[in-house]
Amino acid sequence: MMLVLSSPSGAGKTTLSKRLIAQNPDVVLSVSITTRPMRPGEVDGQDYSFVDNARFEALIEENGFYEWAKVFEHYYGSPKAPVEEALAEGRDVIFDIDWQGARKLAEQAPDDVVRVFILPPTLRLLEDRLRKRGQDSEDVINGRMARAEAEISHWEEYDYVIVNEDFAGALEELDRILHAERLRRTRRPWLSRFVNDLMSERS
């Protein structure tokens, strides 16, 4: 499946996705491609793949993205090739993207996409988390908070909603969603043959 995690910036989706992958080695992260500068502590190819505008725009022309958008003057996109490779190997893929990306992805692969929205317990806590990062100016923080409210307004488009008040509890809920969705009849293609064999036992 393609498991989408969305949330306003600072609500914990990136940390949750990393911990979920650590607990489930058959799950991989779709590493987004971006043109924004690398932040302290980030690793190219692990947190994001960092490219220039020319390379990103070439990939758009090649239809190389499931979805892409321009946010805060920088491009972000989910590349197709590594995701298709992981799915072909029978692995689940996590997407750390916003509501617009989630909507585009669901339009392209409605049977494969499961959408989860992560909410902060309060907006004040969200703002505190952004300030504690120490990476953004006051104007950027104010812009992120305005965008957070816009992002939260789309929560009803998602299949599941988790309030990240307690990280351990939120991670447990996310893990349950992953395993429950794997048990859907449509994601167990071997069942048709199993049932046919079962029904033929007395033939």
Protein backbone atom coordinates (compact mmCIF):
# COMPACT_ATOMS: atom_id res chain seq x y z
CA MET A 1 0.00 0.00 0.00
CA MET A 2 0.93 3.67 -0.22
CA LEU A 3 0.55 5.03 3.33
CA VAL A 4 0.26 8.82 3.35
CA LEU A 5 1.06 10.80 6.50
CA SER A 6 0.13 14.48 6.52
CA SER A 7 0.18 17.08 9.26
CA PRO A 8 1.01 20.73 9.85
CA SER A 9 4.73 21.34 10.21
CA GLY A 10 5.94 20.37 13.69
CA ALA A 11 3.11 17.95 14.52
CA GLY A 12 5.40 14.92 14.45
CA LYS A 13 4.67 13.08 11.20
CA THR A 14 8.32 12.80 10.17
CA THR A 15 9.38 11.31 13.51
CA LEU A 16 6.39 8.97 13.50
CA SER A 17 7.17 7.74 9.99
CA LYS A 18 10.81 7.06 10.88
CA ARG A 19 9.83 5.09 14.00
CA LEU A 20 7.19 3.13 12.09
CA ILE A 21 9.79 2.14 9.50
CA ALA A 22 12.23 1.14 12.28
CA GLN A 23 9.57 -1.19 13.69
CA ASN A 24 8.58 -2.57 10.28
CA PRO A 25 11.57 -3.31 8.03
CA ASP A 26 9.27 -4.18 5.10
CA VAL A 27 8.10 -0.53 5.00
CA VAL A 28 10.12 2.09 3.13
CA LEU A 29 9.93 5.86 2.91
CA SER A 30 9.25 7.67 -0.33
CA VAL A 31 12.10 10.18 -0.25
CA SER A 32 10.77 13.45 -1.66
CA ILE A 33 12.82 15.52 -4.06
CA THR A 34 13.15 19.23 -3.25
CA THR A 35 14.91 22.35 -4.39
CA ARG A 36 15.07 23.94 -0.93
CA PRO A 37 18.42 24.24 0.86
CA MET A 38 19.51 21.41 3.11
CA ARG A 39 18.95 22.06 6.82
CA PRO A 40 21.48 21.25 9.57
CA GLY A 41 21.50 17.52 10.31
CA GLU A 42 19.73 16.49 7.11
CA VAL A 43 21.22 13.83 4.83
CA ASP A 44 20.84 13.99 1.05
CA GLY A 45 18.97 10.94 -0.22
CA GLN A 46 17.70 10.08 3.25
CA ASP A 47 15.65 13.06 4.45
CA TYR A 48 15.18 14.51 0.96
CA SER A 49 16.92 14.30 -2.38
CA PHE A 50 18.20 17.83 -2.99
CA VAL A 51 18.31 19.06 -6.60
CA ASP A 52 18.36 22.38 -8.44
CA ASN A 53 15.38 23.89 -10.27
CA ALA A 54 16.57 22.70 -13.67
CA ARG A 55 16.70 19.05 -12.61
CA PHE A 56 13.33 19.24 -10.87
CA GLU A 57 11.66 20.84 -13.87
CA ALA A 58 13.19 18.18 -16.14
CA LEU A 59 11.57 15.47 -13.99
CA ILE A 60 8.22 17.27 -14.30
CA GLU A 61 8.58 17.16 -18.09
CA GLU A 62 9.43 13.44 -17.91
CA ASN A 63 6.27 12.74 -15.84
CA GLY A 64 8.59 11.50 -13.12
CA PHE A 65 6.42 12.50 -10.13
CA TYR A 66 3.25 11.13 -8.58
CA GLU A 67 2.69 14.64 -7.27
CA TRP A 68 4.63 17.86 -6.94
CA ALA A 69 4.05 21.40 -5.70
CA LYS A 70 5.81 24.68 -5.08
CA VAL A 71 5.79 25.65 -1.40
CA PHE A 72 7.53 28.69 0.10
CA GLU A 73 9.29 29.32 -3.26
CA HIS A 74 10.72 25.78 -3.40
CA TYR A 75 9.65 22.67 -5.30
CA TYR A 76 8.72 19.40 -3.57
CA GLY A 77 7.72 16.17 -5.30
CA SER A 78 7.26 12.41 -4.85
CA PRO A 79 9.27 10.51 -7.50
CA LYS A 80 7.62 7.53 -9.21
CA ALA A 81 10.54 5.22 -9.99
CA PRO A 82 11.69 4.19 -6.47
CA VAL A 83 8.08 3.81 -5.27
CA GLU A 84 7.13 1.54 -8.16
CA GLU A 85 10.23 -0.54 -7.49
CA ALA A 86 9.38 -0.96 -3.78
CA LEU A 87 5.74 -1.85 -4.51
CA ALA A 88 6.84 -4.44 -7.08
CA GLU A 89 8.97 -6.03 -4.33
CA GLY A 90 5.87 -6.29 -2.12
CA ARG A 91 6.89 -3.53 0.28
CA ASP A 92 4.65 -0.81 1.69
CA VAL A 93 5.66 2.81 1.05
CA ILE A 94 5.16 5.78 3.39
CA PHE A 95 4.65 9.26 1.95
CA ASP A 96 5.38 12.29 4.15
CA ILE A 97 3.39 14.86 2.13
CA ASP A 98 0.78 17.61 2.53
CA TRP A 99 -2.96 17.47 1.77
CA GLN A 100 -2.51 18.60 -1.82
CA GLY A 101 -0.01 15.84 -2.50
CA ALA A 102 -2.23 13.33 -0.72
CA ARG A 103 -5.18 14.30 -2.90
CA LYS A 104 -3.15 13.99 -6.12
CA LEU A 105 -1.72 10.64 -5.04
CA ALA A 106 -5.17 9.27 -4.19
CA GLU A 107 -6.44 10.36 -7.60
CA GLN A 108 -3.67 8.38 -9.31
CA ALA A 109 -3.81 5.25 -7.14
CA PRO A 110 -7.18 5.17 -5.32
CA ASP A 111 -7.01 1.46 -4.47
CA ASP A 112 -3.50 1.63 -3.02
CA VAL A 113 -3.54 4.84 -0.97
CA VAL A 114 -4.36 5.00 2.76
CA ARG A 115 -4.35 8.53 4.22
CA VAL A 116 -3.56 9.38 7.85
CA PHE A 117 -3.64 12.91 9.26
CA ILE A 118 -1.59 13.78 12.36
CA LEU A 119 -2.98 16.55 14.58
CA PRO A 120 -1.18 18.39 17.39
CA PRO A 121 -3.06 18.52 20.72
CA THR A 122 -3.00 22.36 20.58
CA LEU A 123 -1.79 25.02 18.17
CA ARG A 124 0.23 26.63 20.97
CA LEU A 125 2.22 23.40 21.37
CA LEU A 126 2.76 23.31 17.61
CA GLU A 127 4.16 26.84 17.64
CA ASP A 128 6.44 25.98 20.58
CA ARG A 129 7.83 22.99 18.66
CA LEU A 130 8.62 25.19 15.66
CA ARG A 131 10.42 27.72 17.87
CA LYS A 132 12.45 25.05 19.64
CA ARG A 133 13.89 23.92 16.31
CA GLY A 134 15.77 27.23 16.19
CA GLN A 135 15.99 27.02 12.40
CA ASP A 136 13.42 29.60 11.26
CA SER A 137 12.91 33.35 11.51
CA GLU A 138 9.82 34.90 13.13
CA ASP A 139 8.32 35.60 9.71
CA VAL A 140 8.83 32.00 8.62
CA ILE A 141 7.27 30.69 11.85
CA ASN A 142 4.24 32.95 11.38
CA GLY A 143 3.93 31.74 7.82
CA ARG A 144 4.14 28.11 8.92
CA MET A 145 1.44 28.66 11.55
CA ALA A 146 -0.88 30.22 8.97
CA ARG A 147 -0.23 27.30 6.68
CA ALA A 148 -0.79 24.88 9.58
CA GLU A 149 -4.33 26.15 10.02
CA ALA A 150 -4.95 25.82 6.29
CA GLU A 151 -3.56 22.26 6.37
CA ILE A 152 -5.69 21.23 9.35
CA SER A 153 -8.84 22.39 7.54
CA HIS A 154 -8.48 19.38 5.21
CA TRP A 155 -8.50 16.72 7.94
CA GLU A 156 -11.82 15.28 6.80
CA GLU A 157 -10.28 14.12 3.51
CA TYR A 158 -8.29 11.47 5.39
CA ASP A 159 -9.15 7.85 6.25
CA TYR A 160 -7.68 8.10 9.76
CA VAL A 161 -6.83 10.92 12.17
CA ILE A 162 -4.34 10.63 15.04
CA VAL A 163 -3.93 13.28 17.76
CA ASN A 164 -0.23 13.27 18.64
CA GLU A 165 -0.57 14.14 22.32
CA ASP A 166 1.49 11.18 23.50
CA PHE A 167 4.12 10.00 21.00
CA ALA A 168 4.10 6.35 22.09
CA GLY A 169 0.32 6.23 21.85
CA ALA A 170 0.30 7.91 18.44
CA LEU A 171 2.93 5.47 17.16
CA GLU A 172 0.89 2.51 18.42
CA GLU A 173 -2.22 3.80 16.63
CA LEU A 174 -0.26 4.27 13.41
CA ASP A 175 1.17 0.76 13.65
CA ARG A 176 -2.34 -0.65 14.14
CA ILE A 177 -3.57 1.19 11.06
CA LEU A 178 -0.71 -0.26 9.00
CA HIS A 179 -1.44 -3.83 10.06
CA ALA A 180 -5.21 -3.54 9.79
CA GLU A 181 -4.95 -2.14 6.26
CA ARG A 182 -2.67 -5.02 5.25
CA LEU A 183 -5.49 -7.41 6.16
CA ARG A 184 -7.99 -5.89 3.72
CA ARG A 185 -9.33 -8.53 1.33
CA THR A 186 -8.19 -6.51 -1.69
CA ARG A 187 -4.59 -6.48 -0.41
CA ARG A 188 -4.45 -10.30 -0.04
CA PRO A 189 -4.50 -11.55 -3.64
CA TRP A 190 -3.74 -15.11 -2.59
CA LEU A 191 -7.18 -15.42 -0.98
CA SER A 192 -8.99 -16.17 -4.26
CA ARG A 193 -6.91 -19.28 -4.92
CA PHE A 194 -7.13 -20.30 -1.27
CA VAL A 195 -10.95 -20.09 -1.27
CA ASN A 196 -11.18 -21.96 -4.58
CA ASP A 197 -9.00 -24.76 -3.18
CA LEU A 198 -11.04 -24.74 0.01
CA MET A 199 -14.32 -25.12 -1.85
CA SER A 200 -12.95 -27.90 -4.05
CA GLU A 201 -11.89 -30.10 -1.12
CA ARG A 202 -15.16 -32.06 -1.22
CA SER A 203 -15.49 -32.16 -5.00
